[in-house]
Every structure is written in C-alpha cells, then in structure tokens.
C-alpha cells in the first residue's frame, strides 16, 4: 500500500524511557501498511501556556501549530497520569488551540491510543482526552478503541512489535484510523 495520508504524532510523555514513545515508534513502523506516514510532533520545549502569549506567540508555539496544520490528521499516544492526561499534553493542546479563532485542531481528524503496564490503564485518560478533542472540534476515531497492555519486550529497540496478535491489532487499528482520515479529508 502506498502512503496516502500524513499523520502528526504527539506523545503525551516527555520521559526518555516512555513506553508510549516506544508504542509511537512501533506505530510509525506499521503505519505504511495502513497507508499512513507518521511524523513526530515534539512538545517538550513548549513553555506553560498563558493568554499573555496570544499577542506574540513564541517560536515553539508557532512551530507546534504549523506542524499540526501541515498534516492530514493527528495521532495522540498518551499515558494516564492520575486518571487524566499528562500536563505536558494538555499544555500542547492549549497552545495548538489558541489564540481564540486560530484552533489548529479544528476539523483535523484525530485518534487516541495509549500504553500502560496495567491492562486498561489509559482508558480514563483517553476518555478525558476525547472530551478535550471534541471541544477542539477535532473529529475523533471513536471505534475501535485501543488500550495497549505493555509488557516487557512487547516492542523492541527498533520499534518492532514482538507479539503477532498485538501487531495485527495495531495494523487493523491503523487501517481503521486511515479510513477515518479518508472520511474526514473529503
């Protein structure tokens, strides 16, 4: 399958040992099988959002908005912190959706996935994130949902998924996301 849609990937953790970053890398390796090309959208350098910046956005805020606007869709790979999304992810969404009237997420198809060492550890974070993306007018992939139980060695250092069942699930999920993007790209 040839690459059809570009997808900006935002990882909700900036930790160097993030299992969600490993998942994002694995998804990038599998994405061409679904007609997608994943591009990392970094968020670590953003200052804390404040409306005080609205009149003169810093370069990191402008770069984030430009990155989102340059892709066909957005994929958010997030852990769950305290039954919600990490603050760094919420901060990035605030930067991308402001100032009022310049929301980079508006009309941009999105999908949410997450990994945890618990069986469904990202479920509550994903529900919270879906609410935020809905307010940001981003049409979200509602089904299938994807909560990845991340076990030791599930993804190797090269981004290969070592469990064939999980690999096939992720490919099928990416294909559903590609169909969602196609539906909303028209």
Protein backbone atom coordinates (compact mmCIF):
# COMPACT_ATOMS: atom_id res chain seq x y z
CA UNK A 1 0.00 0.00 0.00
CA UNK A 2 1.37 3.45 -0.84
CA UNK A 3 1.43 6.19 1.75
CA UNK A 4 -1.64 8.34 1.34
CA UNK A 5 -2.05 10.43 4.49
CA UNK A 6 0.45 12.16 6.74
CA UNK A 7 -0.26 11.96 10.45
CA UNK A 8 1.35 14.09 13.13
CA UNK A 9 2.07 12.04 16.23
CA UNK A 10 2.05 13.71 19.63
CA UNK A 11 3.34 11.59 22.50
CA UNK A 12 1.89 12.65 25.84
CA UNK A 13 5.04 11.79 27.76
CA UNK A 14 8.40 13.50 27.52
CA UNK A 15 10.17 10.85 29.62
CA UNK A 16 13.20 9.32 27.89
CA UNK A 17 12.02 5.83 28.93
CA UNK A 18 8.39 6.35 27.90
CA UNK A 19 6.57 3.18 26.86
CA UNK A 20 4.17 5.39 24.92
CA UNK A 21 7.09 6.74 22.88
CA UNK A 22 8.05 3.09 22.18
CA UNK A 23 4.46 2.45 21.10
CA UNK A 24 4.55 5.53 18.85
CA UNK A 25 7.73 4.23 17.21
CA UNK A 26 6.11 0.83 16.63
CA UNK A 27 3.06 2.53 15.11
CA UNK A 28 5.32 4.53 12.78
CA UNK A 29 6.92 1.27 11.62
CA UNK A 30 3.50 -0.33 10.97
CA UNK A 31 1.77 2.76 9.53
CA UNK A 32 2.74 2.28 5.85
CA UNK A 33 0.72 -0.97 5.88
CA UNK A 34 -2.33 1.21 6.54
CA UNK A 35 -1.48 3.92 4.01
CA UNK A 36 -0.18 6.34 6.64
CA UNK A 37 3.07 8.15 7.27
CA UNK A 38 3.61 9.18 10.89
CA UNK A 39 5.64 12.28 11.76
CA UNK A 40 6.67 13.18 15.29
CA UNK A 41 5.38 16.49 16.63
CA UNK A 42 7.56 17.41 19.63
CA UNK A 43 6.02 19.15 22.64
CA UNK A 44 8.81 19.16 25.27
CA UNK A 45 10.09 22.67 24.54
CA UNK A 46 6.76 24.47 24.95
CA UNK A 47 6.56 26.91 27.87
CA UNK A 48 3.46 26.78 30.05
CA UNK A 49 0.60 28.27 28.04
CA UNK A 50 -0.74 31.66 29.09
CA UNK A 51 -3.03 34.05 27.26
CA UNK A 52 -0.27 36.59 27.81
CA UNK A 53 1.46 34.97 24.81
CA UNK A 54 -1.52 35.32 22.46
CA UNK A 55 -0.37 38.64 21.00
CA UNK A 56 3.18 37.40 20.41
CA UNK A 57 3.42 33.60 20.16
CA UNK A 58 6.86 32.14 20.87
CA UNK A 59 8.57 30.17 18.08
CA UNK A 60 7.87 26.83 19.82
CA UNK A 61 4.13 27.59 19.85
CA UNK A 62 4.19 28.68 16.21
CA UNK A 63 6.13 25.52 15.26
CA UNK A 64 3.58 23.29 17.03
CA UNK A 65 0.66 24.96 15.26
CA UNK A 66 2.44 24.77 11.90
CA UNK A 67 3.24 21.08 12.41
CA UNK A 68 -0.39 20.24 13.15
CA UNK A 69 -1.66 22.33 10.25
CA UNK A 70 0.79 20.65 7.83
CA UNK A 71 -0.53 17.10 8.35
CA UNK A 72 -3.76 15.38 7.34
CA UNK A 73 -4.53 14.07 10.83
CA UNK A 74 -3.23 13.86 14.38
CA UNK A 75 -2.49 10.76 16.46
CA UNK A 76 -2.06 11.18 20.20
CA UNK A 77 -0.25 8.43 22.09
CA UNK A 78 -0.68 9.05 25.79
CA UNK A 79 -0.10 7.57 29.20
CA UNK A 80 -2.53 8.09 32.06
CA UNK A 81 -1.47 10.28 34.97
CA UNK A 82 -3.81 10.48 37.96
CA UNK A 83 -6.88 9.40 35.93
CA UNK A 84 -6.22 12.02 33.27
CA UNK A 85 -3.75 13.11 30.60
CA UNK A 86 -0.27 14.39 31.42
CA UNK A 87 0.03 18.13 31.98
CA UNK A 88 2.56 18.45 29.15
CA UNK A 89 -0.03 17.07 26.71
CA UNK A 90 -2.79 19.38 27.93
CA UNK A 91 -0.34 22.26 27.63
CA UNK A 92 0.38 21.34 23.99
CA UNK A 93 -3.32 21.15 23.19
CA UNK A 94 -3.83 24.57 24.76
CA UNK A 95 -1.01 26.02 22.63
CA UNK A 96 -2.37 24.44 19.45
CA UNK A 97 -5.95 25.61 20.02
CA UNK A 98 -5.15 29.23 20.88
CA UNK A 99 -5.43 32.16 20.44
CA UNK A 100 -9.18 32.08 20.04
CA UNK A 101 -10.13 31.70 16.38
CA UNK A 102 -6.85 30.02 15.37
CA UNK A 103 -7.51 26.47 16.59
CA UNK A 104 -5.12 24.17 14.71
CA UNK A 105 -7.20 21.10 15.67
CA UNK A 106 -10.44 22.39 14.12
CA UNK A 107 -11.61 19.88 11.52
CA UNK A 108 -8.40 17.85 11.84
CA UNK A 109 -9.19 14.11 12.19
CA UNK A 110 -7.64 12.55 15.28
CA UNK A 111 -7.16 9.26 17.07
CA UNK A 112 -6.07 8.35 20.58
CA UNK A 113 -4.13 5.31 21.77
CA UNK A 114 -2.15 4.58 24.89
CA UNK A 115 0.03 2.01 26.59
CA UNK A 116 0.25 1.06 30.22
CA UNK A 117 1.69 -1.75 32.29
CA UNK A 118 -1.89 -2.19 33.54
CA UNK A 119 -4.49 -3.94 31.38
CA UNK A 120 -6.58 -0.82 30.63
CA UNK A 121 -4.54 1.88 32.33
CA UNK A 122 -5.10 4.55 29.70
CA UNK A 123 -8.89 4.17 29.44
CA UNK A 124 -9.75 7.09 31.72
CA UNK A 125 -7.09 9.34 30.19
CA UNK A 126 -8.38 8.56 26.72
CA UNK A 127 -11.96 9.42 27.70
CA UNK A 128 -10.77 12.73 29.14
CA UNK A 129 -8.69 13.42 26.03
CA UNK A 130 -11.64 12.64 23.74
CA UNK A 131 -13.67 15.26 25.60
CA UNK A 132 -10.92 17.84 25.09
CA UNK A 133 -10.52 16.98 21.39
CA UNK A 134 -14.27 17.17 20.93
CA UNK A 135 -14.28 20.71 22.31
CA UNK A 136 -11.34 21.50 19.99
CA UNK A 137 -13.57 20.44 17.04
CA UNK A 138 -11.34 17.54 16.04
CA UNK A 139 -13.33 14.62 14.58
CA UNK A 140 -12.11 11.62 16.59
CA UNK A 141 -11.87 7.95 15.76
CA UNK A 142 -14.39 6.53 18.24
CA UNK A 143 -14.05 2.84 17.38
CA UNK A 144 -12.07 0.73 17.67
CA UNK A 145 -10.58 1.85 20.96
CA UNK A 146 -7.00 0.83 21.73
CA UNK A 147 -5.62 0.31 25.22
CA UNK A 148 -2.29 -1.47 24.91
CA UNK A 149 -1.13 -3.65 27.80
CA UNK A 150 2.60 -3.03 27.56
CA UNK A 151 4.66 -5.97 28.75
CA UNK A 152 8.44 -6.29 28.89
CA UNK A 153 9.77 -6.78 25.35
CA UNK A 154 6.47 -6.09 23.55
CA UNK A 155 8.28 -3.54 21.38
CA UNK A 156 11.99 -3.96 20.70
CA UNK A 157 14.52 -1.14 20.38
CA UNK A 158 13.95 -0.92 16.60
CA UNK A 159 10.19 -0.41 17.00
CA UNK A 160 9.18 -3.96 16.08
CA UNK A 161 6.16 -5.45 17.85
CA UNK A 162 7.17 -8.90 19.09
CA UNK A 163 3.67 -10.30 19.73
CA UNK A 164 1.97 -11.23 16.41
CA UNK A 165 -1.53 -10.75 17.84
CA UNK A 166 -0.73 -7.26 19.12
CA UNK A 167 0.99 -6.40 15.85
CA UNK A 168 -2.10 -7.41 13.84
CA UNK A 169 -4.37 -5.49 16.22
CA UNK A 170 -2.26 -2.35 15.74
CA UNK A 171 -2.26 -2.74 11.94
CA UNK A 172 -6.04 -3.16 11.93
CA UNK A 173 -6.41 -0.15 14.25
CA UNK A 174 -4.22 1.94 11.94
CA UNK A 175 -6.33 0.86 8.97
CA UNK A 176 -9.47 1.98 10.81
CA UNK A 177 -7.76 5.32 11.51
CA UNK A 178 -6.81 5.66 7.82
CA UNK A 179 -10.46 5.09 6.85
CA UNK A 180 -11.47 7.72 9.41
CA UNK A 181 -8.97 10.20 7.96
CA UNK A 182 -10.18 9.49 4.43
CA UNK A 183 -13.78 10.07 5.50
CA UNK A 184 -12.96 13.46 7.00
CA UNK A 185 -10.39 14.55 4.41
CA UNK A 186 -13.02 14.99 1.73
